[in-house]
C-alpha atoms as a PDB file:
ATOM      1  CA  MET A   1     -19.876  -6.782  -4.506  1.00  0.00           C
ATOM      2  CA  THR A   2     -17.536  -7.043  -7.497  1.00  0.00           C
ATOM      3  CA  THR A   3     -13.786  -7.454  -7.126  1.00  0.00           C
ATOM      4  CA  GLU A   4     -13.324  -3.910  -8.472  1.00  0.00           C
ATOM      5  CA  GLU A   5     -15.674  -2.581  -5.783  1.00  0.00           C
ATOM      6  CA  THR A   6     -13.809  -4.535  -3.114  1.00  0.00           C
ATOM      7  CA  ILE A   7     -10.506  -3.037  -4.274  1.00  0.00           C
ATOM      8  CA  GLN A   8     -11.962   0.495  -4.292  1.00  0.00           C
ATOM      9  CA  GLU A   9     -13.350  -0.026  -0.792  1.00  0.00           C
ATOM     10  CA  GLN A  10      -9.947  -1.262   0.448  1.00  0.00           C
ATOM     11  CA  ILE A  11      -8.121   1.689  -1.104  1.00  0.00           C
ATOM     12  CA  GLU A  12     -10.620   4.247   0.198  1.00  0.00           C
ATOM     13  CA  GLY A  13     -10.796   2.634   3.647  1.00  0.00           C
ATOM     14  CA  ASN A  14      -7.055   2.665   4.366  1.00  0.00           C
ATOM     15  CA  SER A  15      -4.884   5.766   4.195  1.00  0.00           C
ATOM     16  CA  ILE A  16      -1.762   3.606   3.716  1.00  0.00           C
ATOM     17  CA  LEU A  17      -2.351   0.315   1.905  1.00  0.00           C
ATOM     18  CA  LEU A  18       0.134  -2.142   0.441  1.00  0.00           C
ATOM     19  CA  TYR A  19      -0.890  -4.890  -1.959  1.00  0.00           C
ATOM     20  CA  MET A  20       1.872  -7.442  -1.572  1.00  0.00           C
ATOM     21  CA  LYS A  21       2.860 -11.079  -1.828  1.00  0.00           C
ATOM     22  CA  GLY A  22       2.626 -12.529   1.674  1.00  0.00           C
ATOM     23  CA  ASN A  23       2.380 -10.380   4.781  1.00  0.00           C
ATOM     24  CA  PRO A  24       4.678  -7.844   6.452  1.00  0.00           C
ATOM     25  CA  GLU A  25       6.047 -10.469   8.850  1.00  0.00           C
ATOM     26  CA  GLN A  26       6.523 -13.071   6.118  1.00  0.00           C
ATOM     27  CA  PRO A  27       6.845 -11.485   2.666  1.00  0.00           C
ATOM     28  CA  MET A  28       6.813 -14.012  -0.165  1.00  0.00           C
ATOM     29  CA  CYS A  29       9.038 -12.103  -2.612  1.00  0.00           C
ATOM     30  CA  GLY A  30      12.034  -9.825  -2.392  1.00  0.00           C
ATOM     31  CA  PHE A  31      10.180  -6.787  -3.744  1.00  0.00           C
ATOM     32  CA  SER A  32       7.425  -7.137  -1.133  1.00  0.00           C
ATOM     33  CA  ALA A  33      10.092  -7.620   1.565  1.00  0.00           C
ATOM     34  CA  GLN A  34      11.956  -4.468   0.503  1.00  0.00           C
ATOM     35  CA  THR A  35       8.795  -2.362   0.328  1.00  0.00           C
ATOM     36  CA  THR A  36       7.656  -3.615   3.733  1.00  0.00           C
ATOM     37  CA  GLN A  37      11.041  -2.758   5.288  1.00  0.00           C
ATOM     38  CA  VAL A  38      10.879   0.768   3.874  1.00  0.00           C
ATOM     39  CA  LEU A  39       7.327   1.278   5.167  1.00  0.00           C
ATOM     40  CA  LYS A  40       8.247  -0.069   8.606  1.00  0.00           C
ATOM     41  CA  ALA A  41      11.208   2.326   8.672  1.00  0.00           C
ATOM     42  CA  CYS A  42       8.726   5.194   8.275  1.00  0.00           C
ATOM     43  CA  GLY A  43       7.287   4.185  11.645  1.00  0.00           C
ATOM     44  CA  LYS A  44       3.585   4.367  10.825  1.00  0.00           C
ATOM     45  CA  ARG A  45       0.889   1.724  10.738  1.00  0.00           C
ATOM     46  CA  PHE A  46      -0.143   0.481   7.308  1.00  0.00           C
ATOM     47  CA  ALA A  47      -2.709  -1.972   6.016  1.00  0.00           C
ATOM     48  CA  TYR A  48      -1.896  -4.731   3.565  1.00  0.00           C
ATOM     49  CA  VAL A  49      -3.613  -7.240   1.317  1.00  0.00           C
ATOM     50  CA  ASP A  50      -1.911 -10.543   0.526  1.00  0.00           C
ATOM     51  CA  ILE A  51      -2.563 -11.009  -3.180  1.00  0.00           C
ATOM     52  CA  LEU A  52      -1.394 -14.634  -3.052  1.00  0.00           C
ATOM     53  CA  SER A  53      -4.353 -15.570  -0.873  1.00  0.00           C
ATOM     54  CA  ASN A  54      -6.693 -13.301  -2.895  1.00  0.00           C
ATOM     55  CA  PRO A  55      -6.378 -14.473  -6.522  1.00  0.00           C
ATOM     56  CA  GLU A  56      -9.302 -12.329  -7.718  1.00  0.00           C
ATOM     57  CA  ILE A  57      -7.637  -9.198  -6.382  1.00  0.00           C
ATOM     58  CA  ARG A  58      -4.291 -10.289  -7.825  1.00  0.00           C
ATOM     59  CA  ALA A  59      -5.888 -10.658 -11.265  1.00  0.00           C
ATOM     60  CA  THR A  60      -8.009  -7.489 -11.123  1.00  0.00           C
ATOM     61  CA  LEU A  61      -5.854  -4.885  -9.361  1.00  0.00           C
ATOM     62  CA  PRO A  62      -3.474  -4.269 -12.303  1.00  0.00           C
ATOM     63  CA  LYS A  63      -6.490  -3.309 -14.433  1.00  0.00           C
ATOM     64  CA  VAL A  64      -7.857  -1.000 -11.731  1.00  0.00           C
ATOM     65  CA  SER A  65      -4.530   0.663 -10.896  1.00  0.00           C
ATOM     66  CA  ASN A  66      -3.054   0.542 -14.396  1.00  0.00           C
ATOM     67  CA  TRP A  67       0.124  -0.874 -12.801  1.00  0.00           C
ATOM     68  CA  PRO A  68       1.189  -4.377 -13.873  1.00  0.00           C
ATOM     69  CA  THR A  69       3.424  -5.554 -11.016  1.00  0.00           C
ATOM     70  CA  PHE A  70       3.372  -6.108  -7.261  1.00  0.00           C
ATOM     71  CA  PRO A  71       3.755  -4.775  -4.657  1.00  0.00           C
ATOM     72  CA  GLN A  72       1.591  -1.702  -5.098  1.00  0.00           C
ATOM     73  CA  LEU A  73       1.473   1.045  -2.483  1.00  0.00           C
ATOM     74  CA  PHE A  74      -1.530   3.345  -2.190  1.00  0.00           C
ATOM     75  CA  VAL A  75      -1.472   6.429   0.025  1.00  0.00           C
ATOM     76  CA  ASN A  76      -4.635   8.481   0.526  1.00  0.00           C
ATOM     77  CA  GLY A  77      -6.322   6.670  -2.349  1.00  0.00           C
ATOM     78  CA  GLU A  78      -3.542   7.335  -4.857  1.00  0.00           C
ATOM     79  CA  LEU A  79      -1.139   4.790  -6.320  1.00  0.00           C
ATOM     80  CA  VAL A  80       2.404   5.689  -5.269  1.00  0.00           C
ATOM     81  CA  GLY A  81       4.046   2.835  -7.158  1.00  0.00           C
ATOM     82  CA  GLY A  82       6.004  -0.341  -6.673  1.00  0.00           C
ATOM     83  CA  CYS A  83       9.196  -1.314  -4.911  1.00  0.00           C
ATOM     84  CA  ASP A  84      11.654   0.773  -6.948  1.00  0.00           C
ATOM     85  CA  ILE A  85       9.621   3.983  -6.719  1.00  0.00           C
ATOM     86  CA  VAL A  86       8.831   3.518  -3.022  1.00  0.00           C
ATOM     87  CA  THR A  87      12.488   2.782  -2.201  1.00  0.00           C
ATOM     88  CA  GLU A  88      13.705   5.788  -4.202  1.00  0.00           C
ATOM     89  CA  MET A  89      11.159   8.050  -2.514  1.00  0.00           C
ATOM     90  CA  TYR A  90      12.300   6.745   0.880  1.00  0.00           C
ATOM     91  CA  GLU A  91      15.963   7.405   0.095  1.00  0.00           C
ATOM     92  CA  GLN A  92      15.105  10.974  -0.939  1.00  0.00           C
ATOM     93  CA  GLY A  93      12.973  11.582   2.174  1.00  0.00           C
ATOM     94  CA  GLU A  94       9.785  12.005   0.146  1.00  0.00           C
ATOM     95  CA  LEU A  95       8.102   8.816   1.355  1.00  0.00           C
ATOM     96  CA  GLN A  96       8.447   9.744   5.032  1.00  0.00           C
ATOM     97  CA  THR A  97       6.743  13.081   4.353  1.00  0.00           C
ATOM     98  CA  LEU A  98       3.933  11.392   2.407  1.00  0.00           C
ATOM     99  CA  ILE A  99       3.421   8.706   5.081  1.00  0.00           C
ATOM    100  CA  ASP A 100       3.514  11.239   7.929  1.00  0.00           C
ATOM    101  CA  LYS A 101       0.891  13.377   6.192  1.00  0.00           C
ATOM    102  CA  ALA A 102      -1.354  10.365   5.523  1.00  0.00           C
ATOM    103  CA  SER A 103      -1.068   9.313   9.173  1.00  0.00           C
ATOM    104  CA  SER A 104      -1.849  12.796  10.461  1.00  0.00           C
ATOM    105  CA  ASP A 105      -4.800  13.074   8.068  1.00  0.00           C
ATOM    106  CA  GLU A 106      -6.102   9.764   9.431  1.00  0.00           C
ATOM    107  CA  THR A 107      -5.679  10.936  13.032  1.00  0.00           C
ATOM    108  CA  GLU A 108      -7.506  14.186  12.275  1.00  0.00           C
ATOM    109  CA  SER A 109     -10.389  12.359  10.611  1.00  0.00           C
ATOM    110  CA  ASP A 110     -10.558   9.894  13.508  1.00  0.00           C
ATOM    111  CA  SER A 111     -10.800  12.735  15.999  1.00  0.00           C
ATOM    112  CA  GLN A 112     -13.548  14.403  13.967  1.00  0.00           C
ATOM    113  CA  ASN A 113     -15.778  11.313  14.126  1.00  0.00           C
END
């Protein structure tokens, strides 16, 4: 499987996915820390990929997503953006709505299986 295929599989397999430096309990940069705090404040489970321990993904994801920086948040297969966009959406209440919908979609699909 190519790195691009791995990334696509990760994005498609997780309704809320954060590509970040470090992990939610130990972020390795301020932007990843801020984005993680905002996601935790939304109160829903989210998946993450530590790009520092996955150099191929770190190198390839910006080409796949057409977004040059990290972190990168994907919800329902779509790139939401990085720290500034995610934080702004949270402050305006838009992120909570998006996260709640993604979580309910996941629950509905789980119950259909």
